[in-house]
């Protein structure tokens, strides 16, 4: 059995896993996932570290930045998504991180909140997407708090996290108060910050605003 202090042992096991994607996924499903109530914390830290390292390697090769990463671009949604078939090499790591944050949200919300905060300010697009996924599934905060978090962090027009932000808004909006809904609409209609779409035409800017409005009220 494992406890929350077994990060070194878990890290060693993960590092030693080798083989095809099928075998790695089988190991995850059969060995790790049934014990996520105990293992989610240390495994989340390990996976986050590996994602950060992979991103740095891609950046050094000119294949990624804090605004673009092909491993994130290839992944339609953090949640299981029909467009993410067939599986890509990085998918298992994303699935592991998602399962860990979901388990923490259920069993250790304070721990989940800490990881979400850390990942939300990361330079790694995938970690920011995972943070928003986790935030949208939190049950220890209100729908208003979820929407206000997205607004305050200027996430509504951040194209690197668009899919997860749209899902957060979709899930939180029905339970939000009228005041927060009004605040959200004001933020949407004010449009993206100038630095987000500096080289985009007025027509394209208008479409971006329309697209988000349509998602909210459609």
C-alpha atoms as a PDB file:
ATOM      1  CA  UNK A   1       0.000   0.000   0.000  1.00  0.00           C
ATOM      2  CA  UNK A   2       0.993   3.634  -0.451  1.00  0.00           C
ATOM      3  CA  UNK A   3       0.615   6.827   1.530  1.00  0.00           C
ATOM      4  CA  UNK A   4       0.865  10.469   0.488  1.00  0.00           C
ATOM      5  CA  UNK A   5       4.545  10.408   1.472  1.00  0.00           C
ATOM      6  CA  UNK A   6       5.480   7.734  -1.059  1.00  0.00           C
ATOM      7  CA  UNK A   7       6.307  10.147  -3.886  1.00  0.00           C
ATOM      8  CA  UNK A   8       9.857   8.848  -4.285  1.00  0.00           C
ATOM      9  CA  UNK A   9       8.687   5.242  -4.567  1.00  0.00           C
ATOM     10  CA  UNK A  10       5.919   6.121  -7.020  1.00  0.00           C
ATOM     11  CA  UNK A  11       8.312   8.245  -9.089  1.00  0.00           C
ATOM     12  CA  UNK A  12      10.703   5.299  -9.295  1.00  0.00           C
ATOM     13  CA  UNK A  13       7.951   2.960 -10.452  1.00  0.00           C
ATOM     14  CA  UNK A  14       6.734   5.399 -13.113  1.00  0.00           C
ATOM     15  CA  UNK A  15      10.282   5.965 -14.355  1.00  0.00           C
ATOM     16  CA  UNK A  16      10.854   2.231 -14.665  1.00  0.00           C
ATOM     17  CA  UNK A  17       7.676   1.546 -16.615  1.00  0.00           C
ATOM     18  CA  UNK A  18       8.605   0.748 -20.188  1.00  0.00           C
ATOM     19  CA  UNK A  19       6.871  -0.639 -23.237  1.00  0.00           C
ATOM     20  CA  UNK A  20       4.180   0.161 -25.710  1.00  0.00           C
ATOM     21  CA  UNK A  21       1.385   2.603 -24.952  1.00  0.00           C
ATOM     22  CA  UNK A  22      -0.976  -0.328 -24.394  1.00  0.00           C
ATOM     23  CA  UNK A  23       1.236  -1.783 -21.659  1.00  0.00           C
ATOM     24  CA  UNK A  24       1.720   1.582 -19.971  1.00  0.00           C
ATOM     25  CA  UNK A  25      -2.007   2.238 -19.992  1.00  0.00           C
ATOM     26  CA  UNK A  26      -2.672  -1.249 -18.684  1.00  0.00           C
ATOM     27  CA  UNK A  27      -0.248  -0.629 -15.811  1.00  0.00           C
ATOM     28  CA  UNK A  28      -1.999   2.650 -15.039  1.00  0.00           C
ATOM     29  CA  UNK A  29      -5.499   1.157 -15.155  1.00  0.00           C
ATOM     30  CA  UNK A  30      -4.679  -1.942 -13.137  1.00  0.00           C
ATOM     31  CA  UNK A  31      -2.103  -0.744 -10.619  1.00  0.00           C
ATOM     32  CA  UNK A  32      -2.327   2.997 -10.098  1.00  0.00           C
ATOM     33  CA  UNK A  33      -5.930   4.039 -10.783  1.00  0.00           C
ATOM     34  CA  UNK A  34      -7.530   1.751  -8.166  1.00  0.00           C
ATOM     35  CA  UNK A  35      -5.364   3.457  -5.513  1.00  0.00           C
ATOM     36  CA  UNK A  36      -5.780   7.074  -6.601  1.00  0.00           C
ATOM     37  CA  UNK A  37      -7.312   8.140  -3.305  1.00  0.00           C
ATOM     38  CA  UNK A  38      -3.837   7.529  -1.856  1.00  0.00           C
ATOM     39  CA  UNK A  39      -1.619   8.132  -4.879  1.00  0.00           C
ATOM     40  CA  UNK A  40      -3.188  11.081  -6.689  1.00  0.00           C
ATOM     41  CA  UNK A  41      -1.174  13.740  -4.857  1.00  0.00           C
ATOM     42  CA  UNK A  42       2.356  12.447  -5.450  1.00  0.00           C
ATOM     43  CA  UNK A  43       1.560  11.190  -8.949  1.00  0.00           C
ATOM     44  CA  UNK A  44       0.128  14.597  -9.923  1.00  0.00           C
ATOM     45  CA  UNK A  45       3.373  16.274  -8.817  1.00  0.00           C
ATOM     46  CA  UNK A  46       5.444  13.771 -10.783  1.00  0.00           C
ATOM     47  CA  UNK A  47       3.367  14.087 -13.949  1.00  0.00           C
ATOM     48  CA  UNK A  48       3.382  17.867 -13.734  1.00  0.00           C
ATOM     49  CA  UNK A  49       7.179  17.813 -13.474  1.00  0.00           C
ATOM     50  CA  UNK A  50       7.493  15.544 -16.522  1.00  0.00           C
ATOM     51  CA  UNK A  51       5.143  17.760 -18.547  1.00  0.00           C
ATOM     52  CA  UNK A  52       7.195  20.806 -17.639  1.00  0.00           C
ATOM     53  CA  UNK A  53      10.436  19.069 -18.623  1.00  0.00           C
ATOM     54  CA  UNK A  54       8.975  17.915 -21.942  1.00  0.00           C
ATOM     55  CA  UNK A  55       7.797  21.457 -22.656  1.00  0.00           C
ATOM     56  CA  UNK A  56      11.248  22.897 -21.951  1.00  0.00           C
ATOM     57  CA  UNK A  57      12.805  20.389 -24.358  1.00  0.00           C
ATOM     58  CA  UNK A  58      10.304  21.353 -27.068  1.00  0.00           C
ATOM     59  CA  UNK A  59      10.944  25.053 -26.430  1.00  0.00           C
ATOM     60  CA  UNK A  60      14.696  24.551 -26.754  1.00  0.00           C
ATOM     61  CA  UNK A  61      14.063  22.945 -30.164  1.00  0.00           C
ATOM     62  CA  UNK A  62      11.831  25.833 -31.243  1.00  0.00           C
ATOM     63  CA  UNK A  63       8.734  23.621 -31.265  1.00  0.00           C
ATOM     64  CA  UNK A  64       6.814  25.169 -28.382  1.00  0.00           C
ATOM     65  CA  UNK A  65       6.247  28.336 -26.360  1.00  0.00           C
ATOM     66  CA  UNK A  66       3.958  29.483 -23.566  1.00  0.00           C
ATOM     67  CA  UNK A  67       1.396  30.328 -26.293  1.00  0.00           C
ATOM     68  CA  UNK A  68       1.691  27.177 -28.374  1.00  0.00           C
ATOM     69  CA  UNK A  69       2.692  23.567 -27.878  1.00  0.00           C
ATOM     70  CA  UNK A  70       1.981  20.839 -30.401  1.00  0.00           C
ATOM     71  CA  UNK A  71       1.279  18.326 -27.613  1.00  0.00           C
ATOM     72  CA  UNK A  72      -1.546  20.606 -26.489  1.00  0.00           C
ATOM     73  CA  UNK A  73      -2.647  21.415 -30.036  1.00  0.00           C
ATOM     74  CA  UNK A  74      -3.029  17.689 -30.763  1.00  0.00           C
ATOM     75  CA  UNK A  75      -5.343  17.230 -27.784  1.00  0.00           C
ATOM     76  CA  UNK A  76      -8.939  18.371 -28.402  1.00  0.00           C
ATOM     77  CA  UNK A  77     -10.091  18.085 -24.801  1.00  0.00           C
ATOM     78  CA  UNK A  78      -8.706  17.187 -21.408  1.00  0.00           C
ATOM     79  CA  UNK A  79     -11.805  15.067 -20.917  1.00  0.00           C
ATOM     80  CA  UNK A  80     -12.267  11.949 -23.085  1.00  0.00           C
ATOM     81  CA  UNK A  81     -13.059  13.338 -26.544  1.00  0.00           C
ATOM     82  CA  UNK A  82     -14.032  11.540 -29.741  1.00  0.00           C
ATOM     83  CA  UNK A  83     -11.638  13.713 -31.761  1.00  0.00           C
ATOM     84  CA  UNK A  84      -8.697  12.410 -29.759  1.00  0.00           C
ATOM     85  CA  UNK A  85      -8.728   9.018 -31.465  1.00  0.00           C
ATOM     86  CA  UNK A  86      -6.449   7.380 -32.317  1.00  0.00           C
ATOM     87  CA  UNK A  87      -4.353   7.952 -29.228  1.00  0.00           C
ATOM     88  CA  UNK A  88      -1.244  10.139 -29.484  1.00  0.00           C
ATOM     89  CA  UNK A  89       2.003   9.416 -27.592  1.00  0.00           C
ATOM     90  CA  UNK A  90       1.408  12.146 -24.998  1.00  0.00           C
ATOM     91  CA  UNK A  91      -2.233  11.224 -24.309  1.00  0.00           C
ATOM     92  CA  UNK A  92      -1.506   8.791 -21.485  1.00  0.00           C
ATOM     93  CA  UNK A  93       0.373  11.449 -19.503  1.00  0.00           C
ATOM     94  CA  UNK A  94      -2.537  13.854 -19.954  1.00  0.00           C
ATOM     95  CA  UNK A  95      -5.035  11.185 -18.881  1.00  0.00           C
ATOM     96  CA  UNK A  96      -2.977  10.397 -15.788  1.00  0.00           C
ATOM     97  CA  UNK A  97      -2.817  14.072 -14.798  1.00  0.00           C
ATOM     98  CA  UNK A  98      -6.572  14.445 -15.388  1.00  0.00           C
ATOM     99  CA  UNK A  99      -7.429  11.380 -13.318  1.00  0.00           C
ATOM    100  CA  UNK A 100      -5.204  12.584 -10.499  1.00  0.00           C
ATOM    101  CA  UNK A 101      -6.709  16.055 -10.337  1.00  0.00           C
ATOM    102  CA  UNK A 102     -10.223  14.576 -10.501  1.00  0.00           C
ATOM    103  CA  UNK A 103      -9.414  12.238  -7.590  1.00  0.00           C
ATOM    104  CA  UNK A 104      -7.953  15.102  -5.567  1.00  0.00           C
ATOM    105  CA  UNK A 105     -11.022  17.233  -6.198  1.00  0.00           C
ATOM    106  CA  UNK A 106     -13.135  14.426  -4.752  1.00  0.00           C
ATOM    107  CA  UNK A 107     -10.961  13.257  -1.873  1.00  0.00           C
ATOM    108  CA  UNK A 108      -8.599  16.123  -1.003  1.00  0.00           C
ATOM    109  CA  UNK A 109     -10.068  19.440  -2.214  1.00  0.00           C
ATOM    110  CA  UNK A 110      -7.499  21.593  -0.407  1.00  0.00           C
ATOM    111  CA  UNK A 111      -4.656  19.658  -2.030  1.00  0.00           C
ATOM    112  CA  UNK A 112      -6.422  19.902  -5.385  1.00  0.00           C
ATOM    113  CA  UNK A 113      -6.754  23.662  -4.987  1.00  0.00           C
ATOM    114  CA  UNK A 114      -3.023  24.010  -4.389  1.00  0.00           C
ATOM    115  CA  UNK A 115      -2.086  22.035  -7.491  1.00  0.00           C
ATOM    116  CA  UNK A 116      -4.650  23.903  -9.583  1.00  0.00           C
ATOM    117  CA  UNK A 117      -3.188  27.244  -8.510  1.00  0.00           C
ATOM    118  CA  UNK A 118       0.328  26.025  -9.360  1.00  0.00           C
ATOM    119  CA  UNK A 119      -0.646  24.668 -12.766  1.00  0.00           C
ATOM    120  CA  UNK A 120      -2.801  27.678 -13.644  1.00  0.00           C
ATOM    121  CA  UNK A 121       0.258  29.976 -13.661  1.00  0.00           C
ATOM    122  CA  UNK A 122       2.506  27.503 -15.485  1.00  0.00           C
ATOM    123  CA  UNK A 123       4.177  28.348 -18.791  1.00  0.00           C
ATOM    124  CA  UNK A 124       3.029  24.923 -20.057  1.00  0.00           C
ATOM    125  CA  UNK A 125      -0.267  25.179 -22.000  1.00  0.00           C
ATOM    126  CA  UNK A 126      -1.338  21.634 -21.095  1.00  0.00           C
ATOM    127  CA  UNK A 127      -0.891  22.287 -17.376  1.00  0.00           C
ATOM    128  CA  UNK A 128      -2.989  25.451 -17.641  1.00  0.00           C
ATOM    129  CA  UNK A 129      -5.707  23.464 -19.428  1.00  0.00           C
ATOM    130  CA  UNK A 130      -5.588  20.798 -16.729  1.00  0.00           C
ATOM    131  CA  UNK A 131      -5.885  23.496 -14.067  1.00  0.00           C
ATOM    132  CA  UNK A 132      -9.059  24.861 -15.652  1.00  0.00           C
ATOM    133  CA  UNK A 133     -10.450  21.346 -16.014  1.00  0.00           C
ATOM    134  CA  UNK A 134      -9.820  20.786 -12.311  1.00  0.00           C
ATOM    135  CA  UNK A 135     -11.253  24.159 -11.306  1.00  0.00           C
ATOM    136  CA  UNK A 136     -14.452  23.531 -13.250  1.00  0.00           C
ATOM    137  CA  UNK A 137     -14.961  20.227 -11.395  1.00  0.00           C
ATOM    138  CA  UNK A 138     -14.408  21.593  -7.895  1.00  0.00           C
ATOM    139  CA  UNK A 139     -17.362  21.110  -5.559  1.00  0.00           C
ATOM    140  CA  UNK A 140     -16.006  23.225  -2.707  1.00  0.00           C
ATOM    141  CA  UNK A 141     -16.635  26.522  -4.500  1.00  0.00           C
ATOM    142  CA  UNK A 142     -19.698  28.107  -6.079  1.00  0.00           C
ATOM    143  CA  UNK A 143     -20.574  28.624  -9.728  1.00  0.00           C
ATOM    144  CA  UNK A 144     -20.091  32.367  -9.195  1.00  0.00           C
ATOM    145  CA  UNK A 145     -16.553  31.792  -7.926  1.00  0.00           C
ATOM    146  CA  UNK A 146     -15.711  29.658 -10.956  1.00  0.00           C
ATOM    147  CA  UNK A 147     -16.880  32.305 -13.415  1.00  0.00           C
ATOM    148  CA  UNK A 148     -15.274  35.144 -11.507  1.00  0.00           C
ATOM    149  CA  UNK A 149     -11.990  33.210 -11.441  1.00  0.00           C
ATOM    150  CA  UNK A 150     -12.102  32.860 -15.232  1.00  0.00           C
ATOM    151  CA  UNK A 151     -12.891  36.564 -15.594  1.00  0.00           C
ATOM    152  CA  UNK A 152     -10.241  37.777 -13.158  1.00  0.00           C
ATOM    153  CA  UNK A 153      -7.551  35.653 -14.792  1.00  0.00           C
ATOM    154  CA  UNK A 154      -8.494  36.938 -18.260  1.00  0.00           C
ATOM    155  CA  UNK A 155      -9.132  33.419 -19.501  1.00  0.00           C
ATOM    156  CA  UNK A 156     -12.215  34.051 -21.617  1.00  0.00           C
ATOM    157  CA  UNK A 157     -10.221  34.933 -24.736  1.00  0.00           C
ATOM    158  CA  UNK A 158      -7.089  32.918 -24.045  1.00  0.00           C
ATOM    159  CA  UNK A 159      -6.896  30.689 -27.118  1.00  0.00           C
ATOM    160  CA  UNK A 160      -4.458  28.291 -25.434  1.00  0.00           C
ATOM    161  CA  UNK A 161      -7.189  27.168 -23.005  1.00  0.00           C
ATOM    162  CA  UNK A 162     -10.301  27.894 -25.071  1.00  0.00           C
ATOM    163  CA  UNK A 163     -11.925  24.450 -24.922  1.00  0.00           C
ATOM    164  CA  UNK A 164     -11.659  24.098 -21.155  1.00  0.00           C
ATOM    165  CA  UNK A 165     -12.823  27.672 -20.525  1.00  0.00           C
ATOM    166  CA  UNK A 166     -15.890  27.127 -22.687  1.00  0.00           C
ATOM    167  CA  UNK A 167     -16.742  23.977 -20.723  1.00  0.00           C
ATOM    168  CA  UNK A 168     -16.234  25.778 -17.400  1.00  0.00           C
ATOM    169  CA  UNK A 169     -18.595  28.545 -18.496  1.00  0.00           C
ATOM    170  CA  UNK A 170     -21.145  26.041 -19.787  1.00  0.00           C
ATOM    171  CA  UNK A 171     -21.143  24.098 -16.514  1.00  0.00           C
ATOM    172  CA  UNK A 172     -21.168  27.072 -14.137  1.00  0.00           C
ATOM    173  CA  UNK A 173     -23.507  29.474 -15.900  1.00  0.00           C
ATOM    174  CA  UNK A 174     -26.848  27.788 -15.065  1.00  0.00           C
ATOM    175  CA  UNK A 175     -26.162  27.998 -11.298  1.00  0.00           C
ATOM    176  CA  UNK A 176     -24.633  31.488 -11.336  1.00  0.00           C
ATOM    177  CA  UNK A 177     -26.367  34.514  -9.897  1.00  0.00           C
ATOM    178  CA  UNK A 178     -27.781  37.242 -12.115  1.00  0.00           C
ATOM    179  CA  UNK A 179     -25.027  39.620 -10.986  1.00  0.00           C
ATOM    180  CA  UNK A 180     -22.267  37.242 -12.055  1.00  0.00           C
ATOM    181  CA  UNK A 181     -24.000  36.502 -15.353  1.00  0.00           C
ATOM    182  CA  UNK A 182     -24.155  40.232 -16.041  1.00  0.00           C
ATOM    183  CA  UNK A 183     -20.468  40.564 -15.160  1.00  0.00           C
ATOM    184  CA  UNK A 184     -19.632  37.724 -17.539  1.00  0.00           C
ATOM    185  CA  UNK A 185     -21.600  39.281 -20.392  1.00  0.00           C
ATOM    186  CA  UNK A 186     -19.916  42.648 -19.841  1.00  0.00           C
ATOM    187  CA  UNK A 187     -16.534  40.973 -19.961  1.00  0.00           C
ATOM    188  CA  UNK A 188     -17.415  39.093 -23.147  1.00  0.00           C
ATOM    189  CA  UNK A 189     -18.814  42.104 -24.981  1.00  0.00           C
ATOM    190  CA  UNK A 190     -15.786  44.215 -24.056  1.00  0.00           C
ATOM    191  CA  UNK A 191     -13.796  41.823 -26.219  1.00  0.00           C
ATOM    192  CA  UNK A 192     -10.337  40.334 -25.863  1.00  0.00           C
ATOM    193  CA  UNK A 193      -7.444  42.402 -24.526  1.00  0.00           C
ATOM    194  CA  UNK A 194      -5.576  44.239 -27.264  1.00  0.00           C
ATOM    195  CA  UNK A 195      -2.444  42.168 -26.711  1.00  0.00           C
ATOM    196  CA  UNK A 196      -4.385  38.946 -27.324  1.00  0.00           C
ATOM    197  CA  UNK A 197      -5.366  39.856 -30.884  1.00  0.00           C
ATOM    198  CA  UNK A 198      -2.895  42.568 -31.801  1.00  0.00           C
ATOM    199  CA  UNK A 199      -2.534  41.426 -35.418  1.00  0.00           C
ATOM    200  CA  UNK A 200      -6.168  40.444 -36.006  1.00  0.00           C
ATOM    201  CA  UNK A 201      -8.621  42.401 -38.155  1.00  0.00           C
ATOM    202  CA  UNK A 202     -11.713  44.073 -36.682  1.00  0.00           C
ATOM    203  CA  UNK A 203     -13.859  41.500 -38.479  1.00  0.00           C
ATOM    204  CA  UNK A 204     -11.993  38.583 -36.924  1.00  0.00           C
ATOM    205  CA  UNK A 205     -12.129  40.253 -33.519  1.00  0.00           C
ATOM    206  CA  UNK A 206     -15.895  40.632 -33.848  1.00  0.00           C
ATOM    207  CA  UNK A 207     -16.208  36.952 -34.760  1.00  0.00           C
ATOM    208  CA  UNK A 208     -14.245  35.906 -31.673  1.00  0.00           C
ATOM    209  CA  UNK A 209     -16.658  37.907 -29.498  1.00  0.00           C
ATOM    210  CA  UNK A 210     -19.674  36.483 -31.342  1.00  0.00           C
ATOM    211  CA  UNK A 211     -18.375  32.938 -30.965  1.00  0.00           C
ATOM    212  CA  UNK A 212     -18.138  33.227 -27.191  1.00  0.00           C
ATOM    213  CA  UNK A 213     -21.495  34.977 -26.908  1.00  0.00           C
ATOM    214  CA  UNK A 214     -23.114  32.270 -29.011  1.00  0.00           C
ATOM    215  CA  UNK A 215     -21.672  29.609 -26.714  1.00  0.00           C
ATOM    216  CA  UNK A 216     -23.050  31.388 -23.633  1.00  0.00           C
ATOM    217  CA  UNK A 217     -26.551  32.264 -24.837  1.00  0.00           C
ATOM    218  CA  UNK A 218     -27.023  29.746 -27.653  1.00  0.00           C
END
